[in-house]
Amino acid sequence: MYCYDDTIILAINVALAARRPLLVAGPSGSGKSSMARHIAATLKWRYIEHVVTSRTQAQDLLWWNDTVRRLSDAQTKAGVKQDYAYIEPGALWWAFSPDTAARRGRDSGLKDDEKAHPPYEGTEADPCAPAVVLIDEIDKADPDVPNSLLVPLGSFTFRVAPVGSTITPEAAEPPLIIITTNEERELPPAFRRRCIELRITPPSQERLRRIAMAHFGSTAKVKSLCDKALGLIERKQDGREISTAQFLDAIRACLGLDVEARSDDAQKVMEAAWDFLNTQGA
């Protein structure tokens, strides 16, 4: 479940119409990643994600060579297979062209045990449907990574040199690529210009209520727990912000433990969910 507002809906529609990536900025826990998954479920599109780390290279999102499997095969009686057998399609390859990704870029000649397996198994979406791709926390990568992705993100094409294939989109509609940033590192201006930008701002109290009720229902108990949580947030003294995810955690914990808002335990449970216990003496 995701609670949209007019600004978010407009940004998504503009990104779809302009065929540009949607760059979503905001603090951790503000719902950036869950938005991508919910859009895919709503549109009945495939959902593919790649979580960026400090070791991520741009090519990892396109394809990479599985050197570990090659080494393992070298130690067996069957020996090493041809080069194409060790090509692993990345998130963007699966998004652009799932058929060629499964065939590792080859026209023919692959055995069943050599075919690549999609990262979205279990989804109800049509395997040939367009995709929503989440590239999560791009600011964790080396500064060169965003610029190295400008061409494939702009043209939806790239080349797989080992098999001599140029990958282009199969679906009638290009993928919706959602890129998130916690703004821990400045992104290159050229990369930002290529994207439609959306900033997730801290939600108002009314929006927090709507989000909680969208997740847990609009029962009297949920409403009273929201009142309790919002009251605690207003009274806290240390200046820390409570994210949307933390707010939902507090309500979820109280519901799971069958704690009533008026009970003495409600504040303890909520502070535990927010890691506020024993902080005054720290």
C-alpha atoms as a PDB file:
ATOM      1  CA  MET A   1       0.000   0.000   0.000  1.00  0.00           C
ATOM      2  CA  TYR A   2       1.250   3.480  -0.889  1.00  0.00           C
ATOM      3  CA  CYS A   3      -0.331   6.879  -0.280  1.00  0.00           C
ATOM      4  CA  TYR A   4       0.251   9.234  -3.230  1.00  0.00           C
ATOM      5  CA  ASP A   5      -0.224  12.970  -3.377  1.00  0.00           C
ATOM      6  CA  ASP A   6      -0.729  15.185  -6.428  1.00  0.00           C
ATOM      7  CA  THR A   7       2.962  16.089  -6.689  1.00  0.00           C
ATOM      8  CA  ILE A   8       4.056  12.446  -6.739  1.00  0.00           C
ATOM      9  CA  ILE A   9       1.405  11.483  -9.294  1.00  0.00           C
ATOM     10  CA  LEU A  10       2.391  14.370 -11.555  1.00  0.00           C
ATOM     11  CA  ALA A  11       6.092  13.465 -11.398  1.00  0.00           C
ATOM     12  CA  ILE A  12       5.378   9.813 -12.247  1.00  0.00           C
ATOM     13  CA  ASN A  13       3.175  10.756 -15.204  1.00  0.00           C
ATOM     14  CA  VAL A  14       5.731  13.251 -16.530  1.00  0.00           C
ATOM     15  CA  ALA A  15       8.521  10.657 -16.269  1.00  0.00           C
ATOM     16  CA  LEU A  16       6.379   8.124 -18.155  1.00  0.00           C
ATOM     17  CA  ALA A  17       5.389  10.615 -20.855  1.00  0.00           C
ATOM     18  CA  ALA A  18       8.886  12.082 -21.253  1.00  0.00           C
ATOM     19  CA  ARG A  19      10.493   8.615 -21.118  1.00  0.00           C
ATOM     20  CA  ARG A  20      13.008   9.798 -18.578  1.00  0.00           C
ATOM     21  CA  PRO A  21      14.195   8.320 -15.289  1.00  0.00           C
ATOM     22  CA  LEU A  22      12.473   9.549 -12.140  1.00  0.00           C
ATOM     23  CA  LEU A  23      15.066  10.680  -9.593  1.00  0.00           C
ATOM     24  CA  VAL A  24      13.481  10.529  -6.134  1.00  0.00           C
ATOM     25  CA  ALA A  25      15.306  12.345  -3.336  1.00  0.00           C
ATOM     26  CA  GLY A  26      14.479  12.270   0.338  1.00  0.00           C
ATOM     27  CA  PRO A  27      15.587  11.017   3.724  1.00  0.00           C
ATOM     28  CA  SER A  28      15.855   7.331   4.529  1.00  0.00           C
ATOM     29  CA  GLY A  29      12.502   5.808   5.482  1.00  0.00           C
ATOM     30  CA  SER A  30      10.420   8.317   3.514  1.00  0.00           C
ATOM     31  CA  GLY A  31       8.933   5.687   1.186  1.00  0.00           C
ATOM     32  CA  LYS A  32      11.078   6.170  -1.920  1.00  0.00           C
ATOM     33  CA  SER A  33      11.733   2.478  -2.549  1.00  0.00           C
ATOM     34  CA  SER A  34       8.256   1.231  -1.656  1.00  0.00           C
ATOM     35  CA  MET A  35       6.788   3.657  -4.181  1.00  0.00           C
ATOM     36  CA  ALA A  36       8.542   1.852  -7.053  1.00  0.00           C
ATOM     37  CA  ARG A  37       7.230  -1.548  -6.012  1.00  0.00           C
ATOM     38  CA  HIS A  38       3.693  -0.218  -5.626  1.00  0.00           C
ATOM     39  CA  ILE A  39       3.735   1.448  -9.057  1.00  0.00           C
ATOM     40  CA  ALA A  40       4.729  -1.860 -10.649  1.00  0.00           C
ATOM     41  CA  ALA A  41       1.939  -3.715  -8.840  1.00  0.00           C
ATOM     42  CA  THR A  42      -0.622  -1.056  -9.814  1.00  0.00           C
ATOM     43  CA  LEU A  43       0.375  -1.052 -13.492  1.00  0.00           C
ATOM     44  CA  LYS A  44       0.858  -4.854 -13.526  1.00  0.00           C
ATOM     45  CA  TRP A  45       4.354  -4.290 -14.861  1.00  0.00           C
ATOM     46  CA  ARG A  46       7.410  -6.336 -14.021  1.00  0.00           C
ATOM     47  CA  TYR A  47       9.371  -5.103 -10.995  1.00  0.00           C
ATOM     48  CA  ILE A  48      13.174  -5.243 -11.011  1.00  0.00           C
ATOM     49  CA  GLU A  49      15.496  -3.701  -8.454  1.00  0.00           C
ATOM     50  CA  HIS A  50      19.196  -3.145  -8.008  1.00  0.00           C
ATOM     51  CA  VAL A  51      20.484  -1.922  -4.649  1.00  0.00           C
ATOM     52  CA  VAL A  52      23.601   0.173  -5.180  1.00  0.00           C
ATOM     53  CA  THR A  53      26.661  -0.207  -2.952  1.00  0.00           C
ATOM     54  CA  SER A  54      30.043   1.515  -2.853  1.00  0.00           C
ATOM     55  CA  ARG A  55      31.379  -1.299  -5.085  1.00  0.00           C
ATOM     56  CA  THR A  56      28.695  -0.967  -7.780  1.00  0.00           C
ATOM     57  CA  GLN A  57      29.925  -0.250 -11.295  1.00  0.00           C
ATOM     58  CA  ALA A  58      27.729   1.042 -14.111  1.00  0.00           C
ATOM     59  CA  GLN A  59      28.159  -2.187 -16.079  1.00  0.00           C
ATOM     60  CA  ASP A  60      26.657  -4.171 -13.185  1.00  0.00           C
ATOM     61  CA  LEU A  61      23.285  -2.714 -14.175  1.00  0.00           C
ATOM     62  CA  LEU A  62      23.778  -3.910 -17.753  1.00  0.00           C
ATOM     63  CA  TRP A  63      25.661  -7.215 -17.550  1.00  0.00           C
ATOM     64  CA  TRP A  64      28.665  -8.801 -15.886  1.00  0.00           C
ATOM     65  CA  ASN A  65      30.790 -11.927 -16.165  1.00  0.00           C
ATOM     66  CA  ASP A  66      30.255 -14.598 -13.527  1.00  0.00           C
ATOM     67  CA  THR A  67      33.910 -15.366 -12.842  1.00  0.00           C
ATOM     68  CA  VAL A  68      33.082 -17.443  -9.772  1.00  0.00           C
ATOM     69  CA  ARG A  69      30.971 -19.896 -11.811  1.00  0.00           C
ATOM     70  CA  ARG A  70      33.639 -20.008 -14.505  1.00  0.00           C
ATOM     71  CA  LEU A  71      36.255 -20.931 -11.885  1.00  0.00           C
ATOM     72  CA  SER A  72      33.962 -23.596 -10.447  1.00  0.00           C
ATOM     73  CA  ASP A  73      33.393 -25.106 -13.904  1.00  0.00           C
ATOM     74  CA  ALA A  74      37.140 -25.136 -14.543  1.00  0.00           C
ATOM     75  CA  GLN A  75      37.505 -27.547 -11.623  1.00  0.00           C
ATOM     76  CA  THR A  76      34.979 -30.053 -12.993  1.00  0.00           C
ATOM     77  CA  LYS A  77      35.349 -32.766 -15.601  1.00  0.00           C
ATOM     78  CA  ALA A  78      33.083 -30.902 -18.048  1.00  0.00           C
ATOM     79  CA  GLY A  79      35.375 -27.886 -17.966  1.00  0.00           C
ATOM     80  CA  VAL A  80      34.756 -24.260 -18.889  1.00  0.00           C
ATOM     81  CA  LYS A  81      31.868 -23.428 -21.243  1.00  0.00           C
ATOM     82  CA  GLN A  82      31.911 -20.799 -23.965  1.00  0.00           C
ATOM     83  CA  ASP A  83      32.195 -17.169 -22.874  1.00  0.00           C
ATOM     84  CA  TYR A  84      28.515 -16.331 -23.386  1.00  0.00           C
ATOM     85  CA  ALA A  85      27.480 -18.929 -20.790  1.00  0.00           C
ATOM     86  CA  TYR A  86      28.983 -16.775 -18.031  1.00  0.00           C
ATOM     87  CA  ILE A  87      27.300 -13.514 -19.010  1.00  0.00           C
ATOM     88  CA  GLU A  88      24.781 -12.487 -16.361  1.00  0.00           C
ATOM     89  CA  PRO A  89      22.177  -9.890 -17.404  1.00  0.00           C
ATOM     90  CA  GLY A  90      21.754  -6.901 -15.105  1.00  0.00           C
ATOM     91  CA  ALA A  91      18.595  -5.074 -14.077  1.00  0.00           C
ATOM     92  CA  LEU A  92      18.484  -2.790 -17.128  1.00  0.00           C
ATOM     93  CA  TRP A  93      18.984  -5.670 -19.565  1.00  0.00           C
ATOM     94  CA  TRP A  94      16.046  -7.553 -17.991  1.00  0.00           C
ATOM     95  CA  ALA A  95      14.007  -4.363 -18.183  1.00  0.00           C
ATOM     96  CA  PHE A  96      14.800  -3.559 -21.807  1.00  0.00           C
ATOM     97  CA  SER A  97      14.765  -7.031 -23.331  1.00  0.00           C
ATOM     98  CA  PRO A  98      13.822 -10.026 -21.146  1.00  0.00           C
ATOM     99  CA  ASP A  99      13.938 -12.439 -24.092  1.00  0.00           C
ATOM    100  CA  THR A 100      17.542 -11.660 -25.047  1.00  0.00           C
ATOM    101  CA  ALA A 101      18.485 -11.511 -21.359  1.00  0.00           C
ATOM    102  CA  ALA A 102      17.261 -15.084 -20.882  1.00  0.00           C
ATOM    103  CA  ARG A 103      19.332 -16.100 -23.928  1.00  0.00           C
ATOM    104  CA  ARG A 104      22.346 -14.129 -22.658  1.00  0.00           C
ATOM    105  CA  GLY A 105      22.355 -12.180 -25.941  1.00  0.00           C
ATOM    106  CA  ARG A 106      22.690 -15.260 -28.162  1.00  0.00           C
ATOM    107  CA  ASP A 107      20.372 -15.894 -31.118  1.00  0.00           C
ATOM    108  CA  SER A 108      20.383 -19.646 -30.558  1.00  0.00           C
ATOM    109  CA  GLY A 109      22.455 -22.516 -29.294  1.00  0.00           C
ATOM    110  CA  LEU A 110      21.803 -22.306 -25.572  1.00  0.00           C
ATOM    111  CA  LYS A 111      20.893 -25.365 -23.579  1.00  0.00           C
ATOM    112  CA  ASP A 112      18.157 -24.999 -20.973  1.00  0.00           C
ATOM    113  CA  ASP A 113      20.669 -25.129 -18.122  1.00  0.00           C
ATOM    114  CA  GLU A 114      22.629 -22.274 -19.724  1.00  0.00           C
ATOM    115  CA  LYS A 115      19.713 -19.832 -19.870  1.00  0.00           C
ATOM    116  CA  ALA A 116      19.591 -16.955 -17.410  1.00  0.00           C
ATOM    117  CA  HIS A 117      16.764 -16.735 -14.892  1.00  0.00           C
ATOM    118  CA  PRO A 118      14.814 -13.479 -14.464  1.00  0.00           C
ATOM    119  CA  PRO A 119      15.093 -11.633 -11.152  1.00  0.00           C
ATOM    120  CA  TYR A 120      11.315 -11.152 -10.945  1.00  0.00           C
ATOM    121  CA  GLU A 121      10.121 -14.747 -10.680  1.00  0.00           C
ATOM    122  CA  GLY A 122       6.801 -15.055  -8.847  1.00  0.00           C
ATOM    123  CA  THR A 123       5.376 -11.772 -10.147  1.00  0.00           C
ATOM    124  CA  GLU A 124       1.887 -11.809 -11.629  1.00  0.00           C
ATOM    125  CA  ALA A 125       2.949  -9.466 -14.436  1.00  0.00           C
ATOM    126  CA  ASP A 126       3.218 -10.668 -18.011  1.00  0.00           C
ATOM    127  CA  PRO A 127       6.882 -11.626 -18.670  1.00  0.00           C
ATOM    128  CA  CYS A 128       6.776  -9.373 -21.730  1.00  0.00           C
ATOM    129  CA  ALA A 129       5.118  -6.436 -19.949  1.00  0.00           C
ATOM    130  CA  PRO A 130       7.041  -3.205 -19.474  1.00  0.00           C
ATOM    131  CA  ALA A 131       9.103  -2.929 -16.310  1.00  0.00           C
ATOM    132  CA  VAL A 132       9.521  -0.650 -13.350  1.00  0.00           C
ATOM    133  CA  VAL A 133      13.205  -0.619 -12.424  1.00  0.00           C
ATOM    134  CA  LEU A 134      14.365   0.573  -9.018  1.00  0.00           C
ATOM    135  CA  ILE A 135      17.986   1.699  -8.811  1.00  0.00           C
ATOM    136  CA  ASP A 136      18.182   2.239  -5.075  1.00  0.00           C
ATOM    137  CA  GLU A 137      20.546   4.722  -3.384  1.00  0.00           C
ATOM    138  CA  ILE A 138      22.562   5.789  -6.420  1.00  0.00           C
ATOM    139  CA  ASP A 139      24.487   8.269  -4.234  1.00  0.00           C
ATOM    140  CA  LYS A 140      26.358   5.354  -2.616  1.00  0.00           C
ATOM    141  CA  ALA A 141      28.138   4.573  -5.882  1.00  0.00           C
ATOM    142  CA  ASP A 142      31.350   6.107  -7.184  1.00  0.00           C
ATOM    143  CA  PRO A 143      30.684   9.537  -8.794  1.00  0.00           C
ATOM    144  CA  ASP A 144      31.535   8.129 -12.243  1.00  0.00           C
ATOM    145  CA  VAL A 145      28.684   5.599 -12.137  1.00  0.00           C
ATOM    146  CA  PRO A 146      25.750   7.993 -12.801  1.00  0.00           C
ATOM    147  CA  ASN A 147      27.514   9.592 -15.789  1.00  0.00           C
ATOM    148  CA  SER A 148      28.393   6.153 -17.197  1.00  0.00           C
ATOM    149  CA  LEU A 149      24.681   5.328 -17.237  1.00  0.00           C
ATOM    150  CA  LEU A 150      23.642   8.393 -19.243  1.00  0.00           C
ATOM    151  CA  VAL A 151      23.580   6.633 -22.627  1.00  0.00           C
ATOM    152  CA  PRO A 152      21.635   3.474 -21.667  1.00  0.00           C
ATOM    153  CA  LEU A 153      19.203   5.510 -19.548  1.00  0.00           C
ATOM    154  CA  GLY A 154      18.677   7.999 -22.356  1.00  0.00           C
ATOM    155  CA  SER A 155      18.482   5.675 -25.353  1.00  0.00           C
ATOM    156  CA  PHE A 156      17.376   2.410 -23.675  1.00  0.00           C
ATOM    157  CA  THR A 157      20.100   0.637 -25.642  1.00  0.00           C
ATOM    158  CA  PHE A 158      23.547  -0.749 -24.905  1.00  0.00           C
ATOM    159  CA  ARG A 159      25.975  -3.244 -26.394  1.00  0.00           C
ATOM    160  CA  VAL A 160      27.104  -6.596 -24.986  1.00  0.00           C
ATOM    161  CA  ALA A 161      30.568  -6.907 -26.496  1.00  0.00           C
ATOM    162  CA  PRO A 162      31.270 -10.615 -25.769  1.00  0.00           C
ATOM    163  CA  VAL A 163      28.323 -11.734 -27.917  1.00  0.00           C
ATOM    164  CA  GLY A 164      28.272  -8.759 -30.306  1.00  0.00           C
ATOM    165  CA  SER A 165      24.648  -7.879 -29.491  1.00  0.00           C
ATOM    166  CA  THR A 166      22.991  -4.492 -29.193  1.00  0.00           C
ATOM    167  CA  ILE A 167      20.151  -4.610 -26.685  1.00  0.00           C
ATOM    168  CA  THR A 168      17.019  -2.563 -27.434  1.00  0.00           C
ATOM    169  CA  PRO A 169      13.591  -2.491 -25.752  1.00  0.00           C
ATOM    170  CA  GLU A 170      11.135  -5.278 -26.613  1.00  0.00           C
ATOM    171  CA  ALA A 171       7.997  -3.865 -24.974  1.00  0.00           C
ATOM    172  CA  ALA A 172       5.844  -1.243 -26.681  1.00  0.00           C
ATOM    173  CA  GLU A 173       6.485   1.075 -23.740  1.00  0.00           C
ATOM    174  CA  PRO A 174       9.961   1.711 -22.322  1.00  0.00           C
ATOM    175  CA  PRO A 175      10.579   0.944 -18.658  1.00  0.00           C
ATOM    176  CA  LEU A 176       9.925   3.404 -15.873  1.00  0.00           C
ATOM    177  CA  ILE A 177      13.286   3.754 -14.162  1.00  0.00           C
ATOM    178  CA  ILE A 178      13.121   5.064 -10.604  1.00  0.00           C
ATOM    179  CA  ILE A 179      16.414   6.128  -9.050  1.00  0.00           C
ATOM    180  CA  THR A 180      16.565   7.009  -5.376  1.00  0.00           C
ATOM    181  CA  THR A 181      19.062   9.120  -3.488  1.00  0.00           C
ATOM    182  CA  ASN A 182      19.456   9.928   0.203  1.00  0.00           C
ATOM    183  CA  GLU A 183      21.562  12.910  -0.911  1.00  0.00           C
ATOM    184  CA  GLU A 184      24.627  11.678   0.931  1.00  0.00           C
ATOM    185  CA  ARG A 185      26.699  12.655  -2.113  1.00  0.00           C
ATOM    186  CA  GLU A 186      26.109  15.276  -4.810  1.00  0.00           C
ATOM    187  CA  LEU A 187      25.084  13.770  -8.152  1.00  0.00           C
ATOM    188  CA  PRO A 188      26.620  15.028 -11.417  1.00  0.00           C
ATOM    189  CA  PRO A 189      24.653  17.916 -13.010  1.00  0.00           C
ATOM    190  CA  ALA A 190      24.482  16.118 -16.382  1.00  0.00           C
ATOM    191  CA  PHE A 191      22.873  13.129 -14.698  1.00  0.00           C
ATOM    192  CA  ARG A 192      20.330  15.264 -12.848  1.00  0.00           C
ATOM    193  CA  ARG A 193      19.396  17.041 -16.085  1.00  0.00           C
ATOM    194  CA  ARG A 194      18.626  13.689 -17.677  1.00  0.00           C
ATOM    195  CA  CYS A 195      16.061  12.882 -14.952  1.00  0.00           C
ATOM    196  CA  ILE A 196      12.682  14.115 -13.794  1.00  0.00           C
ATOM    197  CA  GLU A 197      13.304  15.079 -10.166  1.00  0.00           C
ATOM    198  CA  LEU A 198      10.933  14.464  -7.257  1.00  0.00           C
ATOM    199  CA  ARG A 199      11.702  15.406  -3.673  1.00  0.00           C
ATOM    200  CA  ILE A 200       9.890  13.535  -0.915  1.00  0.00           C
ATOM    201  CA  THR A 201       9.399  16.055   1.883  1.00  0.00           C
ATOM    202  CA  PRO A 202       8.624  15.152   5.510  1.00  0.00           C
ATOM    203  CA  PRO A 203       4.895  14.392   5.672  1.00  0.00           C
ATOM    204  CA  SER A 204       2.451  16.539   7.570  1.00  0.00           C
ATOM    205  CA  GLN A 205       0.550  15.064  10.495  1.00  0.00           C
ATOM    206  CA  GLU A 206      -2.538  14.684   8.322  1.00  0.00           C
ATOM    207  CA  ARG A 207      -0.547  12.809   5.669  1.00  0.00           C
ATOM    208  CA  LEU A 208       0.960  10.515   8.323  1.00  0.00           C
ATOM    209  CA  ARG A 209      -2.582   9.698   9.431  1.00  0.00           C
ATOM    210  CA  ARG A 210      -3.654   8.921   5.870  1.00  0.00           C
ATOM    211  CA  ILE A 211      -0.607   6.719   5.307  1.00  0.00           C
ATOM    212  CA  ALA A 212      -1.224   4.795   8.535  1.00  0.00           C
ATOM    213  CA  MET A 213      -4.901   4.268   7.745  1.00  0.00           C
ATOM    214  CA  ALA A 214      -4.042   3.156   4.205  1.00  0.00           C
ATOM    215  CA  HIS A 215      -1.817   0.467   5.737  1.00  0.00           C
ATOM    216  CA  PHE A 216      -3.827  -0.579   8.772  1.00  0.00           C
ATOM    217  CA  GLY A 217      -7.404   0.544   8.142  1.00  0.00           C
ATOM    218  CA  SER A 218      -9.401   3.474   9.475  1.00  0.00           C
ATOM    219  CA  THR A 219     -10.537   1.811  12.691  1.00  0.00           C
ATOM    220  CA  ALA A 220     -10.977   3.695  15.943  1.00  0.00           C
ATOM    221  CA  LYS A 221      -7.958   1.906  17.387  1.00  0.00           C
ATOM    222  CA  VAL A 222      -5.690   2.964  14.527  1.00  0.00           C
ATOM    223  CA  LYS A 223      -6.911   6.546  14.769  1.00  0.00           C
ATOM    224  CA  SER A 224      -6.271   6.674  18.523  1.00  0.00           C
ATOM    225  CA  LEU A 225      -2.792   5.183  18.090  1.00  0.00           C
ATOM    226  CA  CYS A 226      -2.031   7.813  15.455  1.00  0.00           C
ATOM    227  CA  ASP A 227      -3.129  10.547  17.888  1.00  0.00           C
ATOM    228  CA  LYS A 228      -0.885   9.053  20.566  1.00  0.00           C
ATOM    229  CA  ALA A 229       2.117   8.787  18.253  1.00  0.00           C
ATOM    230  CA  LEU A 230       1.717  12.305  16.882  1.00  0.00           C
ATOM    231  CA  GLY A 231       1.413  13.671  20.404  1.00  0.00           C
ATOM    232  CA  LEU A 232       4.641  11.963  21.416  1.00  0.00           C
ATOM    233  CA  ILE A 233       6.426  13.327  18.367  1.00  0.00           C
ATOM    234  CA  GLU A 234       5.366  16.872  19.257  1.00  0.00           C
ATOM    235  CA  ARG A 235       6.633  16.478  22.839  1.00  0.00           C
ATOM    236  CA  LYS A 236      10.017  14.907  22.092  1.00  0.00           C
ATOM    237  CA  GLN A 237      12.916  17.117  23.103  1.00  0.00           C
ATOM    238  CA  ASP A 238      15.980  15.836  21.240  1.00  0.00           C
ATOM    239  CA  GLY A 239      15.133  17.253  17.821  1.00  0.00           C
ATOM    240  CA  ARG A 240      15.288  13.961  15.947  1.00  0.00           C
ATOM    241  CA  GLU A 241      12.931  13.506  13.014  1.00  0.00           C
ATOM    242  CA  ILE A 242      10.621  10.484  12.847  1.00  0.00           C
ATOM    243  CA  SER A 243      10.476   9.003   9.352  1.00  0.00           C
ATOM    244  CA  THR A 244       7.327   7.659   7.751  1.00  0.00           C
ATOM    245  CA  ALA A 245       8.697   4.115   8.126  1.00  0.00           C
ATOM    246  CA  GLN A 246       9.328   4.649  11.853  1.00  0.00           C
ATOM    247  CA  PHE A 247       5.852   6.077  12.346  1.00  0.00           C
ATOM    248  CA  LEU A 248       4.340   2.996  10.692  1.00  0.00           C
ATOM    249  CA  ASP A 249       6.591   0.733  12.779  1.00  0.00           C
ATOM    250  CA  ALA A 250       5.207   2.269  15.968  1.00  0.00           C
ATOM    251  CA  ILE A 251       1.583   1.749  14.907  1.00  0.00           C
ATOM    252  CA  ARG A 252       2.342  -1.770  13.636  1.00  0.00           C
ATOM    253  CA  ALA A 253       4.065  -2.724  16.884  1.00  0.00           C
ATOM    254  CA  CYS A 254       1.157  -1.513  19.019  1.00  0.00           C
ATOM    255  CA  LEU A 255      -1.329  -3.395  16.863  1.00  0.00           C
ATOM    256  CA  GLY A 256       0.793  -6.549  16.904  1.00  0.00           C
ATOM    257  CA  LEU A 257       1.152  -6.419  20.686  1.00  0.00           C
ATOM    258  CA  ASP A 258      -2.537  -5.490  21.136  1.00  0.00           C
ATOM    259  CA  VAL A 259      -1.602  -2.301  22.980  1.00  0.00           C
ATOM    260  CA  GLU A 260      -4.276   0.352  23.410  1.00  0.00           C
ATOM    261  CA  ALA A 261      -3.375   4.012  22.913  1.00  0.00           C
ATOM    262  CA  ARG A 262      -4.638   4.919  26.377  1.00  0.00           C
ATOM    263  CA  SER A 263      -2.536   2.277  28.142  1.00  0.00           C
ATOM    264  CA  ASP A 264       0.780   2.997  29.850  1.00  0.00           C
ATOM    265  CA  ASP A 265       2.510   0.574  27.463  1.00  0.00           C
ATOM    266  CA  ALA A 266       1.712   2.548  24.307  1.00  0.00           C
ATOM    267  CA  GLN A 267       4.423   5.153  24.877  1.00  0.00           C
ATOM    268  CA  LYS A 268       6.993   2.489  25.772  1.00  0.00           C
ATOM    269  CA  VAL A 269       6.255   0.493  22.618  1.00  0.00           C
ATOM    270  CA  MET A 270       6.389   3.559  20.395  1.00  0.00           C
ATOM    271  CA  GLU A 271       9.637   4.809  21.923  1.00  0.00           C
ATOM    272  CA  ALA A 272      11.140   1.355  21.465  1.00  0.00           C
ATOM    273  CA  ALA A 273      10.107   1.416  17.797  1.00  0.00           C
ATOM    274  CA  TRP A 274      11.815   4.811  17.481  1.00  0.00           C
ATOM    275  CA  ASP A 275      14.875   3.787  19.505  1.00  0.00           C
ATOM    276  CA  PHE A 276      14.101   6.497  22.032  1.00  0.00           C
ATOM    277  CA  LEU A 277      14.481   4.299  25.108  1.00  0.00           C
ATOM    278  CA  ASN A 278      17.095   5.455  27.602  1.00  0.00           C
ATOM    279  CA  THR A 279      18.247   8.281  25.323  1.00  0.00           C
ATOM    280  CA  GLN A 280      17.957  11.002  27.954  1.00  0.00           C
ATOM    281  CA  GLY A 281      20.859   9.542  29.924  1.00  0.00           C
ATOM    282  CA  ALA A 282      23.010   8.891  26.877  1.00  0.00           C
END
